[in-house]
Amino acid sequence: MNFDEGEDLTLLRDTLRRFLDRELPREEARRLDAAASHRPDLFAKLCELGVTGLTVPEEYGGSGVDILAAIVCIEELARRGTSLAGPYIHCAFYGALNLLENGSDAQKRELLPRLARGELLFAYGLSEPDVGGDLASATVTGRLEDDGATVVINGTKRWCTGARIADYIYTLVRSGPAEDRYRNLSLVLVPARAAGITITDIDHTGLRYSATTDVIFDEVRVPAANVVGGREKWHHGWPMLAGRSLDIEKLEITAVALGIAAIAVDDAWQYAQERRQFGRRICGHQAIRHLLVEARTRLAACRHMLYHAAWLATQGRDCSVESSMAKWFVAEHAVGIVLACQRVLGAYGCARDFDMERYVRDITCMPIVGGSSHMQLNNIANRLGLPAK
């Protein structure tokens, strides 16, 4: 058993850290967070490093699928906020991995090369005003016209982060009677600027790389060829939604949480060696020392949980339990880690001129987004065969 990180991953981390120091200084990251925005020009520079090809096979212009390396990318980018980590996920994960797992041959040929180059972003259109974790209760409707050539979509999706910057909305629709639940769901690639779409912003506190939105579909018409997997996958959306791509989605949001927690620990560790009170550096006070080493110990446990699951995914092995365990463990413990680091900084940890207050805003979203902590616990219990009655 070898826990050493490979030389290729260490080189990737070093490359990304140099890129961020050069292209995205902390002051610019704060400005982008305040504006709930990202810079497409900077994302284009990131793509020149080839990192968006890490989830695309070589036959489609990528560098070969390497989930472990892609998770490293997210962790490193998240250390400097979400203005690059967010768009990277929308391209490499929401886009490339979903199409690789579920797309038709035609969709893969058309879209995967562009995703490998970082030219497309996908947003999720899954949740609705009254539908959160229970996605099988989706009420946004999709109907095939009589000629079978067009899908018409109506209804409202909620919490569609990135819809304003996306090229496609990966949309879950009810394609048949609601009582059939799992058997009458379909996924459709809807161009984000299609006629009949209205996007309204939802003001929010954390993960502010783009607006979170409602997306309202009013007789939105798209070709039936945009059904994920092709026309023959109409009514077959649930297996796509609940399959391997969902397991990997839990890893990408967990990598964001790990990156935020890691930089919070680094900042608090450094601050404690610079700040002086009562005649000595505060890192010499037992209370501060304990906060810091407990945070670093918890961070190490989080790292092991995430990268074990990511390694399983890279090996093509089942990681449904491990990804849910990692999502729950890291999300819950990262909140405690960051709050402890904020206490080390004291009042400065609440000031907008210090990054710590952003870390707090971002990390408190983590037990909720990407599948809540309670959903992960239910997933683990069900997968391990624990009887519910």
Protein backbone atom coordinates (compact mmCIF):
# COMPACT_ATOMS: atom_id res chain seq x y z
CA MET A 1 0.00 0.00 0.00
CA ASN A 2 1.52 3.28 -1.15
CA PHE A 3 0.13 6.67 -0.16
CA ASP A 4 2.75 8.69 -2.04
CA GLU A 5 1.35 11.07 -4.62
CA GLY A 6 2.69 10.36 -8.08
CA GLU A 7 5.22 12.70 -9.64
CA ASP A 8 2.73 13.65 -12.35
CA LEU A 9 0.17 14.84 -9.79
CA THR A 10 2.78 16.78 -7.82
CA LEU A 11 3.88 18.48 -11.05
CA LEU A 12 0.24 19.28 -11.83
CA ARG A 13 -0.21 20.90 -8.40
CA ASP A 14 2.95 22.96 -8.83
CA THR A 15 1.89 24.10 -12.29
CA LEU A 16 -1.55 25.19 -11.10
CA ARG A 17 -0.16 27.03 -8.07
CA ARG A 18 2.27 28.98 -10.24
CA PHE A 19 -0.55 29.75 -12.67
CA LEU A 20 -2.80 31.06 -9.89
CA ASP A 21 -0.04 33.17 -8.33
CA ARG A 22 0.66 34.70 -11.71
CA GLU A 23 -2.84 35.08 -13.15
CA LEU A 24 -5.25 35.25 -10.21
CA PRO A 25 -3.85 37.18 -7.23
CA ARG A 26 -5.87 37.15 -4.04
CA GLU A 27 -7.14 40.68 -4.59
CA GLU A 28 -8.63 39.71 -7.95
CA ALA A 29 -10.23 36.62 -6.44
CA ARG A 30 -11.93 38.84 -3.85
CA ARG A 31 -13.17 41.21 -6.55
CA LEU A 32 -14.66 38.38 -8.58
CA ASP A 33 -16.37 36.95 -5.51
CA ALA A 34 -17.92 40.35 -4.70
CA ALA A 35 -19.21 40.58 -8.27
CA ALA A 36 -20.43 36.96 -8.32
CA SER A 37 -18.49 36.57 -11.54
CA HIS A 38 -15.62 34.86 -13.32
CA ARG A 39 -13.30 35.90 -16.13
CA PRO A 40 -13.73 33.97 -19.38
CA ASP A 41 -10.33 35.21 -20.56
CA LEU A 42 -8.66 33.73 -17.49
CA PHE A 43 -10.53 30.45 -17.89
CA ALA A 44 -9.31 30.31 -21.48
CA LYS A 45 -5.72 30.65 -20.22
CA LEU A 46 -6.34 27.82 -17.76
CA CYS A 47 -7.61 25.63 -20.60
CA GLU A 48 -4.35 26.20 -22.46
CA LEU A 49 -2.72 24.06 -19.76
CA GLY A 50 -4.76 21.13 -21.07
CA VAL A 51 -6.58 20.43 -17.80
CA THR A 52 -10.04 20.33 -19.39
CA GLY A 53 -8.85 17.32 -21.38
CA LEU A 54 -8.42 15.23 -18.22
CA THR A 55 -12.01 13.93 -18.45
CA VAL A 56 -12.02 13.28 -22.20
CA PRO A 57 -10.58 10.22 -23.99
CA GLU A 58 -7.78 10.75 -26.48
CA GLU A 59 -10.02 9.72 -29.39
CA TYR A 60 -12.09 12.86 -28.76
CA GLY A 61 -9.16 15.21 -28.34
CA GLY A 62 -8.55 14.84 -24.61
CA SER A 63 -5.56 13.53 -22.73
CA GLY A 64 -7.35 10.42 -21.48
CA VAL A 65 -9.72 10.15 -18.54
CA ASP A 66 -7.90 10.66 -15.24
CA ILE A 67 -10.40 11.38 -12.48
CA LEU A 68 -7.67 11.58 -9.85
CA ALA A 69 -5.84 14.33 -11.74
CA ALA A 70 -9.07 16.22 -12.39
CA ILE A 71 -9.87 16.15 -8.67
CA VAL A 72 -6.39 17.53 -7.96
CA CYS A 73 -7.18 20.38 -10.38
CA ILE A 74 -10.37 21.25 -8.54
CA GLU A 75 -8.71 21.17 -5.14
CA GLU A 76 -5.91 23.47 -6.27
CA LEU A 77 -8.20 25.89 -8.08
CA ALA A 78 -10.56 26.07 -5.10
CA ARG A 79 -7.70 27.27 -2.91
CA ARG A 80 -8.03 30.58 -4.78
CA GLY A 81 -11.83 30.74 -4.64
CA THR A 82 -14.39 29.35 -7.04
CA SER A 83 -14.01 31.72 -10.00
CA LEU A 84 -11.97 29.08 -11.86
CA ALA A 85 -12.93 25.91 -9.99
CA GLY A 86 -16.61 26.51 -10.81
CA PRO A 87 -16.29 26.90 -14.59
CA TYR A 88 -13.82 24.00 -14.65
CA ILE A 89 -16.43 21.73 -13.08
CA HIS A 90 -19.11 22.98 -15.48
CA CYS A 91 -16.87 22.03 -18.39
CA ALA A 92 -14.95 18.92 -17.35
CA PHE A 93 -17.55 17.29 -15.11
CA TYR A 94 -21.06 18.55 -15.88
CA GLY A 95 -20.22 18.52 -19.55
CA ALA A 96 -17.53 16.02 -20.50
CA LEU A 97 -18.09 13.26 -17.95
CA ASN A 98 -21.86 13.26 -18.36
CA LEU A 99 -21.59 13.04 -22.13
CA LEU A 100 -18.87 10.40 -21.92
CA GLU A 101 -21.08 8.24 -19.70
CA ASN A 102 -24.47 8.94 -21.24
CA GLY A 103 -24.17 10.73 -24.58
CA SER A 104 -24.94 9.27 -27.98
CA ASP A 105 -22.10 8.66 -30.42
CA ALA A 106 -23.16 11.75 -32.36
CA GLN A 107 -23.22 13.90 -29.20
CA LYS A 108 -19.78 12.68 -28.20
CA ARG A 109 -18.31 13.37 -31.64
CA GLU A 110 -19.78 16.86 -31.75
CA LEU A 111 -19.29 18.07 -28.19
CA LEU A 112 -16.47 16.20 -26.46
CA PRO A 113 -13.66 17.74 -28.57
CA ARG A 114 -14.97 21.21 -27.71
CA LEU A 115 -15.25 20.31 -24.04
CA ALA A 116 -11.68 18.98 -24.11
CA ARG A 117 -10.56 22.42 -25.31
CA GLY A 118 -12.66 24.19 -22.68
CA GLU A 119 -14.94 25.82 -25.24
CA LEU A 120 -18.27 24.76 -23.67
CA LEU A 121 -19.86 25.00 -20.24
CA PHE A 122 -22.86 23.01 -19.02
CA ALA A 123 -25.24 23.97 -16.20
CA TYR A 124 -27.50 21.56 -14.35
CA GLY A 125 -31.26 21.94 -14.66
CA LEU A 126 -32.30 19.35 -12.07
CA SER A 127 -33.87 20.93 -8.96
CA GLU A 128 -37.19 22.75 -9.02
CA PRO A 129 -39.01 25.07 -6.60
CA ASP A 130 -40.65 22.06 -4.93
CA VAL A 131 -38.17 19.36 -5.94
CA GLY A 132 -34.76 19.05 -4.29
CA GLY A 133 -33.32 15.68 -3.36
CA ASP A 134 -36.38 13.81 -4.67
CA LEU A 135 -35.54 14.33 -8.33
CA ALA A 136 -37.85 11.51 -9.42
CA SER A 137 -40.69 13.93 -8.58
CA ALA A 138 -39.61 16.40 -11.27
CA THR A 139 -42.53 18.32 -12.76
CA VAL A 140 -40.86 20.23 -15.61
CA THR A 141 -42.36 18.52 -18.64
CA GLY A 142 -40.89 17.46 -21.94
CA ARG A 143 -43.11 16.18 -24.73
CA LEU A 144 -42.20 14.78 -28.09
CA GLU A 145 -44.15 16.26 -30.94
CA ASP A 146 -46.08 13.86 -33.16
CA ASP A 147 -43.33 13.74 -35.77
CA GLY A 148 -40.82 12.66 -33.10
CA ALA A 149 -38.35 15.33 -34.23
CA THR A 150 -38.81 18.00 -31.55
CA VAL A 151 -39.00 18.12 -27.75
CA VAL A 152 -41.07 20.90 -26.16
CA ILE A 153 -40.20 21.82 -22.55
CA ASN A 154 -42.26 23.72 -19.97
CA GLY A 155 -41.75 24.53 -16.31
CA THR A 156 -39.25 26.08 -13.89
CA LYS A 157 -35.89 24.82 -12.70
CA ARG A 158 -34.29 26.28 -9.57
CA TRP A 159 -30.71 26.56 -8.26
CA CYS A 160 -29.30 26.47 -11.78
CA THR A 161 -25.87 27.85 -10.98
CA GLY A 162 -24.07 29.06 -14.07
CA ALA A 163 -27.08 29.12 -16.40
CA ARG A 164 -26.09 32.62 -17.55
CA ILE A 165 -22.58 31.52 -18.52
CA ALA A 166 -23.46 28.04 -19.81
CA ASP A 167 -23.84 26.93 -23.39
CA TYR A 168 -26.17 24.03 -22.51
CA ILE A 169 -28.49 23.27 -19.60
CA TYR A 170 -28.44 19.55 -18.76
CA THR A 171 -32.17 19.39 -18.08
CA LEU A 172 -34.20 16.69 -16.34
CA VAL A 173 -37.78 16.53 -17.65
CA ARG A 174 -40.88 14.53 -16.86
CA SER A 175 -41.47 12.82 -20.19
CA GLY A 176 -44.52 10.75 -19.22
CA PRO A 177 -47.14 10.22 -16.48
CA ALA A 178 -45.94 11.35 -13.06
CA GLU A 179 -47.12 8.16 -11.37
CA ASP A 180 -44.48 6.19 -13.26
CA ARG A 181 -41.77 8.26 -11.57
CA TYR A 182 -38.47 6.58 -12.48
CA ARG A 183 -39.66 5.17 -15.82
CA ASN A 184 -40.73 8.44 -17.37
CA LEU A 185 -37.80 10.79 -16.90
CA SER A 186 -35.51 12.05 -19.65
CA LEU A 187 -32.44 14.26 -19.89
CA VAL A 188 -32.20 16.90 -22.61
CA LEU A 189 -29.39 19.21 -23.72
CA VAL A 190 -31.09 22.60 -23.94
CA PRO A 191 -29.15 25.51 -25.46
CA ALA A 192 -29.05 28.12 -22.71
CA ARG A 193 -30.13 30.88 -25.08
CA ALA A 194 -32.96 29.00 -26.76
CA ALA A 195 -36.17 30.89 -27.49
CA GLY A 196 -38.63 30.68 -24.61
CA ILE A 197 -36.04 30.59 -21.80
CA THR A 198 -36.13 33.23 -19.07
CA ILE A 199 -33.36 33.34 -16.45
CA THR A 200 -33.78 35.15 -13.13
CA ASP A 201 -31.06 35.51 -10.48
CA ILE A 202 -31.22 34.28 -6.88
CA ASP A 203 -28.98 36.29 -4.57
CA HIS A 204 -26.78 33.96 -2.55
CA THR A 205 -23.88 34.12 -0.12
CA GLY A 206 -21.33 31.46 -1.10
CA LEU A 207 -19.73 29.89 -4.19
CA ARG A 208 -20.11 33.16 -6.05
CA TYR A 209 -18.40 32.45 -9.37
CA SER A 210 -21.68 32.97 -11.20
CA ALA A 211 -25.27 33.77 -10.44
CA THR A 212 -27.50 31.02 -9.12
CA THR A 213 -30.75 31.22 -11.04
CA ASP A 214 -34.23 30.10 -11.81
CA VAL A 215 -34.61 28.96 -15.42
CA ILE A 216 -38.16 29.20 -16.77
CA PHE A 217 -38.99 27.14 -19.86
CA ASP A 218 -42.00 28.38 -21.86
CA GLU A 219 -42.64 26.15 -24.89
CA VAL A 220 -38.91 25.77 -25.43
CA ARG A 221 -38.33 23.69 -28.54
CA VAL A 222 -35.16 21.64 -29.11
CA PRO A 223 -34.36 18.87 -31.58
CA ALA A 224 -35.05 15.32 -30.37
CA ALA A 225 -31.39 14.67 -31.22
CA ASN A 226 -30.64 16.68 -28.04
CA VAL A 227 -32.10 13.95 -25.84
CA VAL A 228 -29.08 12.74 -23.89
CA GLY A 229 -28.12 9.40 -25.37
CA GLY A 230 -30.17 10.04 -28.49
CA ARG A 231 -33.86 9.68 -29.29
CA GLU A 232 -33.85 6.01 -28.20
CA LYS A 233 -33.03 7.10 -24.61
CA TRP A 234 -36.31 8.98 -24.22
CA HIS A 235 -37.80 7.88 -20.85
CA HIS A 236 -34.40 6.47 -19.77
CA GLY A 237 -33.08 9.47 -17.83
CA TRP A 238 -33.12 8.00 -14.35
CA PRO A 239 -30.37 5.38 -14.85
CA MET A 240 -28.19 8.13 -16.33
CA LEU A 241 -28.87 10.44 -13.41
CA ALA A 242 -28.26 7.84 -10.71
CA GLY A 243 -25.25 6.11 -12.27
CA ARG A 244 -21.49 6.56 -12.25
CA SER A 245 -21.66 10.24 -13.18
CA LEU A 246 -23.51 10.97 -9.92
CA ASP A 247 -20.79 9.23 -7.91
CA ILE A 248 -18.13 11.34 -9.57
CA GLU A 249 -20.17 14.53 -9.09
CA LYS A 250 -19.97 13.91 -5.34
CA LEU A 251 -16.19 13.87 -5.68
CA GLU A 252 -15.88 17.17 -7.52
CA ILE A 253 -17.86 19.18 -4.98
CA THR A 254 -15.94 17.42 -2.20
CA ALA A 255 -12.68 18.52 -3.83
CA VAL A 256 -13.90 22.12 -3.66
CA ALA A 257 -14.57 21.71 0.07
CA LEU A 258 -11.13 20.19 0.61
CA GLY A 259 -9.40 23.01 -1.28
CA ILE A 260 -11.19 25.67 0.77
CA ALA A 261 -10.40 23.91 4.05
CA ALA A 262 -6.76 23.42 3.07
CA ILE A 263 -6.13 27.07 2.27
CA ALA A 264 -7.96 28.13 5.44
CA VAL A 265 -5.58 25.99 7.49
CA ASP A 266 -2.56 27.38 5.63
CA ASP A 267 -3.70 30.98 6.18
CA ALA A 268 -4.43 30.44 9.88
CA TRP A 269 -1.15 28.58 10.37
CA GLN A 270 0.78 31.50 8.86
CA TYR A 271 -1.21 34.18 10.67
CA ALA A 272 -0.60 32.50 14.04
CA GLN A 273 3.16 32.79 13.47
CA GLU A 274 2.93 36.50 12.59
CA ARG A 275 0.38 37.82 15.08
CA ARG A 276 1.74 38.75 18.51
CA GLN A 277 -0.29 39.13 21.70
CA PHE A 278 0.80 39.20 25.35
CA GLY A 279 4.43 39.46 24.35
CA ARG A 280 4.69 36.43 22.05
CA ARG A 281 3.39 34.96 18.81
CA ILE A 282 -0.09 33.54 19.26
CA CYS A 283 1.07 30.17 17.91
CA GLY A 284 2.75 29.81 21.30
CA HIS A 285 -0.56 29.94 23.17
CA GLN A 286 -1.91 26.48 23.90
CA ALA A 287 -5.47 27.30 22.84
CA ILE A 288 -4.30 28.41 19.38
CA ARG A 289 -1.90 25.51 19.01
CA HIS A 290 -4.69 23.04 19.72
CA LEU A 291 -7.06 24.70 17.26
CA LEU A 292 -4.43 24.54 14.53
CA VAL A 293 -3.26 20.97 15.00
CA GLU A 294 -6.81 19.66 15.38
CA ALA A 295 -7.73 21.41 12.13
CA ARG A 296 -4.71 20.00 10.33
CA THR A 297 -5.44 16.50 11.62
CA ARG A 298 -9.04 16.65 10.46
CA LEU A 299 -7.85 17.98 7.12
CA ALA A 300 -5.56 14.97 6.69
CA ALA A 301 -8.49 12.63 7.34
CA CYS A 302 -10.60 14.52 4.79
CA ARG A 303 -7.85 14.21 2.21
CA HIS A 304 -7.61 10.44 2.68
CA MET A 305 -11.39 10.02 2.34
CA LEU A 306 -11.59 12.01 -0.88
CA TYR A 307 -8.56 10.60 -2.65
CA HIS A 308 -9.40 7.00 -1.80
CA ALA A 309 -12.78 7.45 -3.52
CA ALA A 310 -11.18 9.32 -6.43
CA TRP A 311 -8.63 6.52 -6.86
CA LEU A 312 -11.42 3.96 -7.02
CA ALA A 313 -13.21 6.05 -9.66
CA THR A 314 -10.01 6.36 -11.71
CA GLN A 315 -9.60 2.59 -11.58
CA GLY A 316 -13.13 2.17 -12.92
CA ARG A 317 -14.23 0.47 -9.71
CA ASP A 318 -17.51 1.00 -7.92
CA CYS A 319 -17.22 3.95 -5.56
CA SER A 320 -20.85 4.70 -4.75
CA VAL A 321 -20.40 4.09 -1.01
CA GLU A 322 -16.97 5.68 -0.80
CA SER A 323 -18.01 8.80 -2.71
CA SER A 324 -20.99 9.31 -0.42
CA MET A 325 -18.78 8.73 2.62
CA ALA A 326 -16.29 11.28 1.33
CA LYS A 327 -19.00 13.81 0.49
CA TRP A 328 -20.53 13.53 3.99
CA PHE A 329 -17.27 13.37 5.94
CA VAL A 330 -15.45 16.19 4.16
CA ALA A 331 -18.46 18.52 3.96
CA GLU A 332 -19.21 18.19 7.66
CA HIS A 333 -15.64 18.32 8.93
CA ALA A 334 -14.53 21.08 6.55
CA VAL A 335 -17.08 23.41 8.12
CA GLY A 336 -15.53 22.80 11.54
CA ILE A 337 -12.02 23.20 10.16
CA VAL A 338 -12.73 26.57 8.56
CA LEU A 339 -14.64 27.92 11.55
CA ALA A 340 -11.72 26.95 13.80
CA CYS A 341 -9.34 28.79 11.47
CA GLN A 342 -11.58 31.85 11.56
CA ARG A 343 -11.29 31.85 15.35
CA VAL A 344 -7.50 31.90 15.04
CA LEU A 345 -7.76 35.13 13.03
CA GLY A 346 -10.28 36.61 15.48
CA ALA A 347 -12.03 39.73 14.18
CA TYR A 348 -9.84 39.72 11.06
CA GLY A 349 -11.52 36.45 10.11
CA CYS A 350 -14.75 38.42 9.62
CA ALA A 351 -13.23 41.23 7.55
CA ARG A 352 -13.76 41.28 3.79
CA ASP A 353 -10.13 42.34 3.26
CA PHE A 354 -9.14 38.89 4.52
CA ASP A 355 -9.97 35.76 2.55
CA MET A 356 -11.12 33.87 5.64
CA GLU A 357 -14.60 35.39 5.58
CA ARG A 358 -15.05 34.08 2.03
CA TYR A 359 -13.87 30.65 3.07
CA VAL A 360 -16.56 30.67 5.77
CA ARG A 361 -19.30 31.72 3.34
CA ASP A 362 -18.27 29.11 0.81
CA ILE A 363 -17.72 26.21 3.19
CA THR A 364 -21.06 26.52 4.97
CA CYS A 365 -22.76 25.66 1.67
CA MET A 366 -21.00 22.30 1.45
CA PRO A 367 -23.26 20.14 3.64
CA ILE A 368 -26.14 21.22 1.37
CA VAL A 369 -24.95 21.44 -2.24
CA GLY A 370 -24.24 18.44 -4.44
CA GLY A 371 -26.47 16.18 -2.36
CA SER A 372 -27.05 17.04 1.29
CA SER A 373 -25.29 15.31 4.15
CA HIS A 374 -28.45 13.51 5.21
CA MET A 375 -28.95 12.23 1.66
CA GLN A 376 -25.41 10.86 1.69
CA LEU A 377 -26.06 9.02 4.96
CA ASN A 378 -29.21 7.49 3.47
CA ASN A 379 -27.27 6.50 0.35
CA ILE A 380 -24.60 4.79 2.44
CA ALA A 381 -27.13 2.89 4.55
CA ASN A 382 -29.05 1.73 1.47
CA ARG A 383 -25.94 0.71 -0.45
CA LEU A 384 -24.64 -1.28 2.50
CA GLY A 385 -27.95 -3.11 2.74
CA LEU A 386 -29.08 -1.76 6.10
CA PRO A 387 -32.80 -2.65 6.42
CA ALA A 388 -35.14 0.35 6.56
CA LYS A 389 -37.84 -1.57 8.44
